[in-house]
Amino acid sequence: MKKAEKERPTILAQTIFLGTLGLIFVLPVVAGAYLGRWIDSGLEGYSMRWTLSLLFLGVIVGAVNVYLLVRER
């Protein structure tokens, strides 16, 4: 019981962990959106095909990253 109490994460450690989860989810989404927008701006006409595709891919990559980090812990 005492060992479990000593190993319990602090509020700061939990906050840092949640912040890390947020970052590893949001960064691929934002990167996908920016890359897609950059590709779409180089194409003629109005297109959002790459933006939406890479945004969706970013969501999937971010979700997998979060899953792997939580599973590792």
Protein backbone atom coordinates (compact mmCIF):
# COMPACT_ATOMS: atom_id res chain seq x y z
CA MET A 1 0.00 0.00 0.00
CA LYS A 2 2.81 2.40 0.87
CA LYS A 3 4.65 1.50 -2.35
CA ALA A 4 1.56 2.31 -4.42
CA GLU A 5 1.16 5.60 -2.61
CA LYS A 6 4.78 6.57 -3.32
CA GLU A 7 4.51 5.67 -7.03
CA ARG A 8 1.28 7.60 -7.55
CA PRO A 9 1.85 10.36 -10.13
CA THR A 10 1.59 13.94 -8.94
CA ILE A 11 -0.77 16.54 -10.37
CA LEU A 12 2.12 18.10 -12.28
CA ALA A 13 3.09 14.76 -13.83
CA GLN A 14 -0.51 14.12 -14.87
CA THR A 15 -0.79 17.60 -16.36
CA ILE A 16 2.42 17.14 -18.35
CA PHE A 17 1.19 13.75 -19.59
CA LEU A 18 -2.12 15.24 -20.77
CA GLY A 19 -0.29 18.10 -22.46
CA THR A 20 1.93 15.65 -24.26
CA LEU A 21 -1.11 13.68 -25.41
CA GLY A 22 -2.62 16.87 -26.77
CA LEU A 23 0.51 17.84 -28.64
CA ILE A 24 1.08 14.46 -30.25
CA PHE A 25 -2.52 14.51 -31.45
CA VAL A 26 -2.70 18.12 -32.66
CA LEU A 27 0.67 18.43 -34.42
CA PRO A 28 -0.04 15.85 -37.18
CA VAL A 29 -3.49 17.38 -37.75
CA VAL A 30 -2.11 20.90 -38.12
CA ALA A 31 0.81 19.71 -40.26
CA GLY A 32 -1.58 17.83 -42.55
CA ALA A 33 -3.82 20.87 -42.90
CA TYR A 34 -0.94 23.19 -43.74
CA LEU A 35 0.67 20.75 -46.18
CA GLY A 36 -2.66 20.10 -47.87
CA ARG A 37 -3.38 23.81 -48.16
CA TRP A 38 0.07 24.41 -49.63
CA ILE A 39 -0.45 21.67 -52.25
CA ASP A 40 -3.96 22.95 -53.07
CA SER A 41 -2.69 26.51 -53.50
CA GLY A 42 -0.31 25.30 -56.21
CA LEU A 43 -3.13 23.76 -58.22
CA GLU A 44 -5.32 25.70 -60.61
CA GLY A 45 -8.86 26.45 -59.59
CA TYR A 46 -10.43 26.15 -56.18
CA SER A 47 -9.74 22.78 -54.63
CA MET A 48 -9.76 21.47 -51.09
CA ARG A 49 -9.06 17.86 -51.98
CA TRP A 50 -5.54 17.69 -50.55
CA THR A 51 -6.38 19.82 -47.54
CA LEU A 52 -9.24 17.58 -46.45
CA SER A 53 -7.38 14.37 -47.29
CA LEU A 54 -4.26 15.31 -45.35
CA LEU A 55 -6.33 16.73 -42.49
CA PHE A 56 -8.11 13.38 -42.19
CA LEU A 57 -4.78 11.55 -42.42
CA GLY A 58 -3.44 13.81 -39.66
CA VAL A 59 -6.36 12.88 -37.41
CA ILE A 60 -5.66 9.19 -37.98
CA VAL A 61 -1.92 9.57 -37.35
CA GLY A 62 -2.58 11.64 -34.21
CA ALA A 63 -5.04 9.07 -32.86
CA VAL A 64 -2.56 6.25 -33.45
CA ASN A 65 0.16 8.26 -31.69
CA VAL A 66 -2.08 8.82 -28.67
CA TYR A 67 -3.07 5.15 -28.59
CA LEU A 68 0.55 4.00 -28.69
CA LEU A 69 1.62 6.43 -25.95
CA VAL A 70 -1.25 5.43 -23.65
CA ARG A 71 -0.66 1.74 -24.32
CA GLU A 72 3.05 2.16 -23.51
CA ARG A 73 2.31 3.75 -20.17
